[in-house]
């Protein structure tokens, strides 16, 4: 090559230098090469955890003896549980419906007497079957804690271990612990997050790229009216997509639908308000369809998958990551969807989540109206 063109090597070097300069001057390249791997490694290393720690466990002590109180204290000091005591099942079962408790353990009457006679009474555990992984881990951890306590107590009193205390698990809302009862409602939330943000991520960017945005802004319509006019059709499409997902879940996968259409409509509407506004803000800020699409996928799919509680228990994440989940709209959607399908209408869970999601939508709407300027540079 150098024999025919002595300047070829220098030209190739100039092109390489130009490309390196462009790489260093392009913030998106730095983000993809440096920031994105760091973010993914931090999220996967901290948020992706199959260990269940400090599971919120309700405990009912019906025996009120020295042995039963000792067992309660052992459970309190076990890092796998965050114990909440209650006088009766009726007082605590509401916690299973709204997600404030993951299980309820009941120590029966005659517990200490059974230990003395080597005829231990079984401990009942009621868990939320809608959270299959959590229910399985909670059962295993409680069984292990009871076994360790029994062996330690037998060694303390110089007796043989004798028959072991067993737990009798009962899984509410999903007696068979079928994983699709947990995964399908969560998958609906992920689909809604992706579709909702993608639907609007291209709206403004398309107008800017085609050069038609200036014409729209020159019309007498106000910017809030313009934004709403663009959002409403995609809101209807988002509801239609949600309806299709629900029909597939019920008739294709056999999920029960124990809630009401009204609750589902309000939950879906609130979530769509958040993700459609998020996509529109991305579109108005980037003014480029390709960049908008990529950013919408990263900001809609990845956080919804990892930080919503869909696959991984939020309580098992480090505190800093738990705080981060509060800005992920899917965190407030997926528990509500699971309740609509498996539990019914739990309005004390729905109403706070709906209000927060509409709050997200209002925030994004205000940011979009401020991001759009009448004068295009």
Protein backbone atom coordinates (compact mmCIF):
# COMPACT_ATOMS: atom_id res chain seq x y z
CA UNK A 1 0.00 0.00 0.00
CA UNK A 2 2.81 2.43 0.83
CA UNK A 3 4.59 1.65 -2.45
CA UNK A 4 1.63 2.88 -4.52
CA UNK A 5 0.65 5.73 -2.24
CA UNK A 6 3.35 6.93 0.17
CA UNK A 7 0.80 9.04 2.04
CA UNK A 8 -1.69 6.17 2.68
CA UNK A 9 -0.26 5.35 6.11
CA UNK A 10 -0.46 8.97 7.17
CA UNK A 11 -4.04 9.30 5.90
CA UNK A 12 -5.06 6.13 7.74
CA UNK A 13 -3.49 7.52 10.89
CA UNK A 14 -5.36 10.78 10.43
CA UNK A 15 -8.65 8.92 10.11
CA UNK A 16 -7.91 6.93 13.26
CA UNK A 17 -7.03 10.13 15.09
CA UNK A 18 -10.28 11.72 13.89
CA UNK A 19 -12.30 8.71 15.08
CA UNK A 20 -10.61 8.75 18.48
CA UNK A 21 -11.30 12.46 18.79
CA UNK A 22 -14.94 11.87 17.90
CA UNK A 23 -15.16 9.08 20.47
CA UNK A 24 -13.73 11.27 23.22
CA UNK A 25 -15.98 14.18 22.30
CA UNK A 26 -19.16 12.07 22.13
CA UNK A 27 -20.73 11.72 25.61
CA UNK A 28 -22.96 8.83 24.49
CA UNK A 29 -19.92 6.71 23.62
CA UNK A 30 -18.46 7.33 27.06
CA UNK A 31 -21.78 6.37 28.58
CA UNK A 32 -22.00 3.09 26.66
CA UNK A 33 -18.39 2.08 27.25
CA UNK A 34 -17.88 3.23 30.85
CA UNK A 35 -21.09 4.20 32.63
CA UNK A 36 -23.42 1.49 31.33
CA UNK A 37 -21.18 -1.45 32.37
CA UNK A 38 -20.72 0.14 35.80
CA UNK A 39 -24.48 0.65 36.24
CA UNK A 40 -25.28 -2.89 35.07
CA UNK A 41 -22.66 -4.48 37.32
CA UNK A 42 -23.86 -2.49 40.34
CA UNK A 43 -27.48 -3.40 39.68
CA UNK A 44 -26.86 -7.06 38.91
CA UNK A 45 -24.44 -7.44 41.81
CA UNK A 46 -26.75 -5.86 44.38
CA UNK A 47 -30.33 -6.05 43.14
CA UNK A 48 -30.20 -9.58 41.72
CA UNK A 49 -30.35 -11.71 44.83
CA UNK A 50 -32.22 -14.92 45.49
CA UNK A 51 -31.49 -14.74 49.21
CA UNK A 52 -34.42 -13.70 51.37
CA UNK A 53 -33.39 -11.59 54.34
CA UNK A 54 -35.50 -9.95 57.03
CA UNK A 55 -38.75 -11.36 55.63
CA UNK A 56 -41.69 -9.78 57.43
CA UNK A 57 -43.07 -12.67 59.50
CA UNK A 58 -46.13 -12.45 61.71
CA UNK A 59 -46.02 -14.67 64.82
CA UNK A 60 -48.97 -15.80 66.94
CA UNK A 61 -48.13 -17.38 70.30
CA UNK A 62 -51.13 -19.36 71.52
CA UNK A 63 -49.19 -21.28 74.17
CA UNK A 64 -47.65 -18.41 76.18
CA UNK A 65 -45.19 -20.68 77.99
CA UNK A 66 -41.45 -20.41 78.58
CA UNK A 67 -40.70 -22.61 75.56
CA UNK A 68 -42.96 -20.71 73.18
CA UNK A 69 -41.59 -17.33 74.32
CA UNK A 70 -38.05 -18.62 73.90
CA UNK A 71 -38.88 -19.69 70.33
CA UNK A 72 -40.34 -16.27 69.55
CA UNK A 73 -37.16 -14.59 70.80
CA UNK A 74 -35.04 -16.93 68.69
CA UNK A 75 -37.04 -15.95 65.60
CA UNK A 76 -36.69 -12.27 66.51
CA UNK A 77 -32.90 -12.58 66.57
CA UNK A 78 -32.77 -14.55 63.30
CA UNK A 79 -31.59 -12.33 60.42
CA UNK A 80 -33.95 -14.14 58.03
CA UNK A 81 -37.05 -12.70 59.75
CA UNK A 82 -38.47 -9.37 60.82
CA UNK A 83 -40.98 -10.56 63.42
CA UNK A 84 -44.31 -8.84 64.06
CA UNK A 85 -46.35 -10.41 66.88
CA UNK A 86 -50.13 -10.46 66.92
CA UNK A 87 -52.82 -11.92 69.16
CA UNK A 88 -54.77 -13.82 66.49
CA UNK A 89 -54.75 -14.73 62.81
CA UNK A 90 -57.55 -12.28 62.07
CA UNK A 91 -55.36 -9.42 63.29
CA UNK A 92 -52.49 -10.29 60.96
CA UNK A 93 -54.00 -11.80 57.82
CA UNK A 94 -54.67 -8.35 56.38
CA UNK A 95 -50.89 -7.96 56.18
CA UNK A 96 -50.74 -10.83 53.69
CA UNK A 97 -53.22 -9.07 51.42
CA UNK A 98 -51.45 -5.71 51.29
CA UNK A 99 -47.92 -7.13 51.29
CA UNK A 100 -46.79 -5.84 54.69
CA UNK A 101 -46.31 -9.46 55.82
CA UNK A 102 -44.88 -12.39 53.86
CA UNK A 103 -46.05 -15.11 56.23
CA UNK A 104 -47.72 -15.86 59.57
CA UNK A 105 -46.39 -18.55 61.94
CA UNK A 106 -48.69 -19.90 64.65
CA UNK A 107 -47.32 -21.63 67.76
CA UNK A 108 -50.17 -23.89 68.94
CA UNK A 109 -51.52 -24.46 72.43
CA UNK A 110 -49.80 -27.29 74.27
CA UNK A 111 -46.49 -26.56 72.52
CA UNK A 112 -44.32 -26.81 75.65
CA UNK A 113 -46.22 -29.83 76.97
CA UNK A 114 -45.67 -31.63 73.69
CA UNK A 115 -41.93 -31.01 73.89
CA UNK A 116 -41.85 -32.44 77.43
CA UNK A 117 -43.64 -35.60 76.27
CA UNK A 118 -41.51 -35.96 73.11
CA UNK A 119 -44.69 -35.34 71.14
CA UNK A 120 -44.00 -31.88 69.67
CA UNK A 121 -46.89 -29.93 68.25
CA UNK A 122 -46.49 -28.72 64.69
CA UNK A 123 -46.12 -25.01 63.92
CA UNK A 124 -48.41 -23.71 61.19
CA UNK A 125 -47.05 -21.28 58.59
CA UNK A 126 -49.38 -19.33 56.31
CA UNK A 127 -47.51 -17.64 53.44
CA UNK A 128 -48.37 -15.51 50.43
CA UNK A 129 -48.33 -17.93 47.51
CA UNK A 130 -48.38 -15.04 45.05
CA UNK A 131 -44.67 -14.59 45.87
CA UNK A 132 -43.51 -18.10 45.04
CA UNK A 133 -39.78 -17.64 45.67
CA UNK A 134 -40.34 -15.79 48.93
CA UNK A 135 -42.84 -18.39 50.17
CA UNK A 136 -40.43 -21.24 49.40
CA UNK A 137 -37.46 -19.56 51.06
CA UNK A 138 -39.53 -18.50 54.06
CA UNK A 139 -40.72 -22.07 54.60
CA UNK A 140 -37.15 -23.40 54.36
CA UNK A 141 -35.71 -20.77 56.69
CA UNK A 142 -38.40 -21.31 59.32
CA UNK A 143 -37.95 -25.06 59.14
CA UNK A 144 -34.20 -24.63 59.62
CA UNK A 145 -34.68 -22.22 62.54
CA UNK A 146 -37.04 -24.64 64.30
CA UNK A 147 -34.66 -27.54 63.79
CA UNK A 148 -31.68 -25.58 65.15
CA UNK A 149 -33.68 -24.39 68.16
CA UNK A 150 -34.92 -27.93 68.95
CA UNK A 151 -31.40 -29.35 68.81
CA UNK A 152 -29.98 -26.53 70.94
CA UNK A 153 -32.74 -26.94 73.53
CA UNK A 154 -32.25 -30.71 73.71
CA UNK A 155 -28.49 -30.24 74.16
CA UNK A 156 -29.05 -27.61 76.87
CA UNK A 157 -31.23 -29.93 78.94
CA UNK A 158 -29.08 -33.01 78.26
CA UNK A 159 -31.82 -34.85 76.46
CA UNK A 160 -31.95 -36.63 73.14
CA UNK A 161 -33.17 -34.62 70.21
CA UNK A 162 -36.28 -36.75 69.93
CA UNK A 163 -38.92 -36.08 67.30
CA UNK A 164 -38.39 -32.84 65.44
CA UNK A 165 -40.82 -29.97 65.39
CA UNK A 166 -42.31 -29.66 61.92
CA UNK A 167 -44.09 -26.81 60.22
CA UNK A 168 -47.29 -27.21 58.29
CA UNK A 169 -47.20 -24.71 55.43
CA UNK A 170 -50.37 -23.30 53.87
CA UNK A 171 -50.00 -21.09 50.80
CA UNK A 172 -52.74 -18.51 50.38
CA UNK A 173 -53.87 -17.19 46.96
CA UNK A 174 -51.67 -19.77 45.17
CA UNK A 175 -52.02 -23.12 46.96
CA UNK A 176 -50.05 -25.03 44.34
CA UNK A 177 -47.17 -22.52 44.31
CA UNK A 178 -47.43 -22.28 40.53
CA UNK A 179 -44.73 -19.89 39.38
CA UNK A 180 -46.81 -18.50 36.52
CA UNK A 181 -49.21 -17.00 39.07
CA UNK A 182 -46.33 -14.73 40.09
CA UNK A 183 -44.54 -14.37 36.75
CA UNK A 184 -47.44 -13.59 34.41
CA UNK A 185 -48.76 -10.49 36.28
CA UNK A 186 -45.18 -9.31 36.59
CA UNK A 187 -44.63 -9.91 32.89
CA UNK A 188 -47.68 -7.77 32.13
CA UNK A 189 -46.07 -4.95 34.11
CA UNK A 190 -42.80 -5.29 32.20
CA UNK A 191 -44.64 -5.31 28.86
CA UNK A 192 -46.64 -2.23 29.84
CA UNK A 193 -43.45 -0.43 30.93
CA UNK A 194 -41.69 -1.17 27.65
CA UNK A 195 -44.60 -0.51 25.33
CA UNK A 196 -45.74 2.60 27.20
CA UNK A 197 -42.34 4.29 27.13
CA UNK A 198 -41.66 3.24 23.52
CA UNK A 199 -45.03 4.44 22.25
CA UNK A 200 -44.31 8.04 23.17
CA UNK A 201 -40.51 8.02 22.93
CA UNK A 202 -40.78 8.62 19.17
CA UNK A 203 -43.53 11.25 19.07
CA UNK A 204 -41.62 14.48 19.53
CA UNK A 205 -38.37 13.14 18.11
CA UNK A 206 -40.17 12.27 14.86
CA UNK A 207 -41.59 15.78 14.61
CA UNK A 208 -38.20 17.36 15.20
CA UNK A 209 -36.45 15.11 12.66
CA UNK A 210 -39.07 15.71 9.96
CA UNK A 211 -39.05 19.43 10.57
CA UNK A 212 -42.78 19.56 11.32
CA UNK A 213 -42.42 20.57 14.95
CA UNK A 214 -42.00 24.22 14.06
CA UNK A 215 -45.31 24.15 12.20
CA UNK A 216 -47.07 22.62 15.21
CA UNK A 217 -45.62 25.19 17.58
CA UNK A 218 -46.70 28.04 15.31
CA UNK A 219 -50.36 27.09 15.74
CA UNK A 220 -52.42 28.89 18.42
CA UNK A 221 -52.83 25.68 20.50
CA UNK A 222 -51.19 25.84 23.94
CA UNK A 223 -48.28 23.56 24.72
CA UNK A 224 -50.18 21.61 27.47
CA UNK A 225 -53.05 21.04 25.00
CA UNK A 226 -50.55 19.93 22.36
CA UNK A 227 -48.97 17.45 24.76
CA UNK A 228 -52.33 16.04 25.87
CA UNK A 229 -53.52 15.76 22.27
CA UNK A 230 -50.48 13.67 21.47
CA UNK A 231 -50.78 11.52 24.62
CA UNK A 232 -54.45 10.54 24.46
CA UNK A 233 -54.25 8.25 21.39
CA UNK A 234 -51.30 6.40 22.88
CA UNK A 235 -53.09 6.11 26.21
CA UNK A 236 -55.95 4.33 24.41
CA UNK A 237 -53.44 2.07 22.62
CA UNK A 238 -51.75 1.32 25.95
CA UNK A 239 -55.06 0.30 27.51
CA UNK A 240 -55.78 -1.93 24.50
CA UNK A 241 -52.37 -3.58 24.90
CA UNK A 242 -53.05 -4.11 28.61
CA UNK A 243 -56.41 -5.66 27.81
CA UNK A 244 -54.77 -8.09 25.39
CA UNK A 245 -52.21 -9.08 28.05
CA UNK A 246 -54.95 -9.67 30.63
CA UNK A 247 -56.98 -11.84 28.24
CA UNK A 248 -53.89 -13.93 27.46
CA UNK A 249 -53.15 -14.30 31.19
CA UNK A 250 -56.68 -15.44 32.06
CA UNK A 251 -57.59 -17.56 29.04
CA UNK A 252 -54.15 -18.57 27.85
CA UNK A 253 -52.40 -19.29 31.16
CA UNK A 254 -55.40 -20.00 33.37
CA UNK A 255 -54.79 -17.26 35.94
CA UNK A 256 -57.74 -16.40 38.18
CA UNK A 257 -59.07 -12.84 38.05
CA UNK A 258 -60.45 -12.14 41.52
CA UNK A 259 -60.48 -8.35 41.38
CA UNK A 260 -62.68 -5.92 39.47
CA UNK A 261 -62.40 -4.32 36.04
CA UNK A 262 -62.60 -0.91 37.74
CA UNK A 263 -59.53 -1.61 39.87
CA UNK A 264 -57.62 -2.91 36.87
CA UNK A 265 -58.61 0.15 34.80
CA UNK A 266 -57.48 2.60 37.50
CA UNK A 267 -54.19 0.80 38.09
CA UNK A 268 -53.42 0.55 34.38
CA UNK A 269 -54.41 4.18 33.76
CA UNK A 270 -52.18 5.44 36.56
CA UNK A 271 -49.21 3.42 35.33
CA UNK A 272 -49.71 4.48 31.72
CA UNK A 273 -49.81 8.11 32.82
CA UNK A 274 -46.35 7.62 34.34
CA UNK A 275 -44.64 5.65 31.56
CA UNK A 276 -46.22 7.60 28.67
CA UNK A 277 -45.09 10.83 30.29
CA UNK A 278 -41.63 9.38 30.81
CA UNK A 279 -41.36 8.39 27.13
CA UNK A 280 -42.60 11.78 25.98
CA UNK A 281 -40.04 13.58 28.14
CA UNK A 282 -37.28 11.43 26.66
CA UNK A 283 -38.53 12.21 23.16
CA UNK A 284 -38.73 15.95 23.77
CA UNK A 285 -35.29 16.00 25.35
CA UNK A 286 -33.34 13.95 22.81
CA UNK A 287 -35.08 15.06 19.56
CA UNK A 288 -33.69 11.92 17.91
CA UNK A 289 -35.71 8.76 17.26
CA UNK A 290 -32.82 6.30 17.58
CA UNK A 291 -31.51 7.81 20.82
CA UNK A 292 -35.06 8.07 22.20
CA UNK A 293 -35.71 4.39 21.49
CA UNK A 294 -32.51 3.23 23.16
CA UNK A 295 -33.00 5.46 26.18
CA UNK A 296 -36.63 4.38 26.56
CA UNK A 297 -35.62 0.71 26.52
CA UNK A 298 -32.90 1.23 29.10
CA UNK A 299 -34.97 3.42 31.41
CA UNK A 300 -38.19 1.42 30.99
CA UNK A 301 -37.15 -2.23 30.74
CA UNK A 302 -34.05 -2.63 32.91
CA UNK A 303 -35.28 -0.87 36.09
CA UNK A 304 -38.70 -2.52 35.77
CA UNK A 305 -37.12 -5.96 35.53
CA UNK A 306 -34.57 -5.59 38.33
CA UNK A 307 -35.98 -3.03 40.77
CA UNK A 308 -39.73 -3.59 40.80
CA UNK A 309 -39.84 -6.71 42.98
CA UNK A 310 -40.96 -8.75 39.96
CA UNK A 311 -38.16 -11.33 40.16
CA UNK A 312 -36.12 -10.30 43.19
CA UNK A 313 -37.34 -9.43 46.67
CA UNK A 314 -36.80 -5.73 47.36
CA UNK A 315 -36.23 -6.41 51.08
CA UNK A 316 -33.17 -8.50 50.15
CA UNK A 317 -31.48 -5.57 48.38
CA UNK A 318 -29.02 -3.19 50.09
CA UNK A 319 -30.67 -0.08 51.58
CA UNK A 320 -29.26 2.22 48.87
CA UNK A 321 -30.79 0.06 46.12
CA UNK A 322 -34.07 -0.16 48.04
CA UNK A 323 -34.28 3.64 48.06
CA UNK A 324 -33.61 3.62 44.32
CA UNK A 325 -36.65 1.39 43.73
CA UNK A 326 -38.97 4.17 44.91
CA UNK A 327 -38.43 6.06 41.65
CA UNK A 328 -39.30 3.03 39.49
CA UNK A 329 -43.00 3.21 38.51
CA UNK A 330 -43.24 -0.57 38.03
CA UNK A 331 -42.61 -1.03 41.77
CA UNK A 332 -46.11 0.37 42.40
CA UNK A 333 -47.77 -1.52 39.54
CA UNK A 334 -46.71 -5.15 39.92
CA UNK A 335 -47.93 -5.78 43.52
CA UNK A 336 -51.27 -4.23 42.57
CA UNK A 337 -51.53 -6.40 39.45
CA UNK A 338 -50.74 -9.54 41.44
CA UNK A 339 -53.42 -8.62 43.96
CA UNK A 340 -56.04 -7.96 41.26
CA UNK A 341 -55.43 -11.40 39.77
CA UNK A 342 -54.86 -13.53 42.87
CA UNK A 343 -56.34 -11.75 45.91
CA UNK A 344 -59.06 -9.34 44.81
CA UNK A 345 -59.62 -5.63 45.36
CA UNK A 346 -57.28 -4.53 48.17
CA UNK A 347 -57.91 -0.79 48.04
CA UNK A 348 -55.60 0.05 50.94
CA UNK A 349 -52.81 -1.27 48.68
CA UNK A 350 -54.21 0.14 45.42
CA UNK A 351 -54.99 3.72 46.44
CA UNK A 352 -51.46 4.74 47.60
CA UNK A 353 -49.91 3.12 44.53
CA UNK A 354 -52.40 4.80 42.17
CA UNK A 355 -51.79 8.20 43.76
CA UNK A 356 -48.01 7.80 43.48
CA UNK A 357 -48.22 6.72 39.83
CA UNK A 358 -50.45 9.67 38.92
CA UNK A 359 -47.91 11.83 40.74
CA UNK A 360 -45.19 10.47 38.45
CA UNK A 361 -47.42 11.24 35.46
CA UNK A 362 -48.05 14.82 36.61
CA UNK A 363 -44.33 15.37 37.17
CA UNK A 364 -43.40 14.12 33.69
CA UNK A 365 -46.23 16.14 32.10
CA UNK A 366 -44.99 19.38 33.69
CA UNK A 367 -41.41 18.62 32.66
CA UNK A 368 -42.48 17.99 29.06
CA UNK A 369 -44.43 21.24 28.82
CA UNK A 370 -41.37 23.12 30.06
CA UNK A 371 -38.99 21.23 27.76
CA UNK A 372 -40.92 22.22 24.62
CA UNK A 373 -40.12 25.76 23.52
CA UNK A 374 -42.04 27.86 21.02
CA UNK A 375 -38.80 28.91 19.35
CA UNK A 376 -36.71 26.15 17.79
CA UNK A 377 -33.00 26.85 17.61
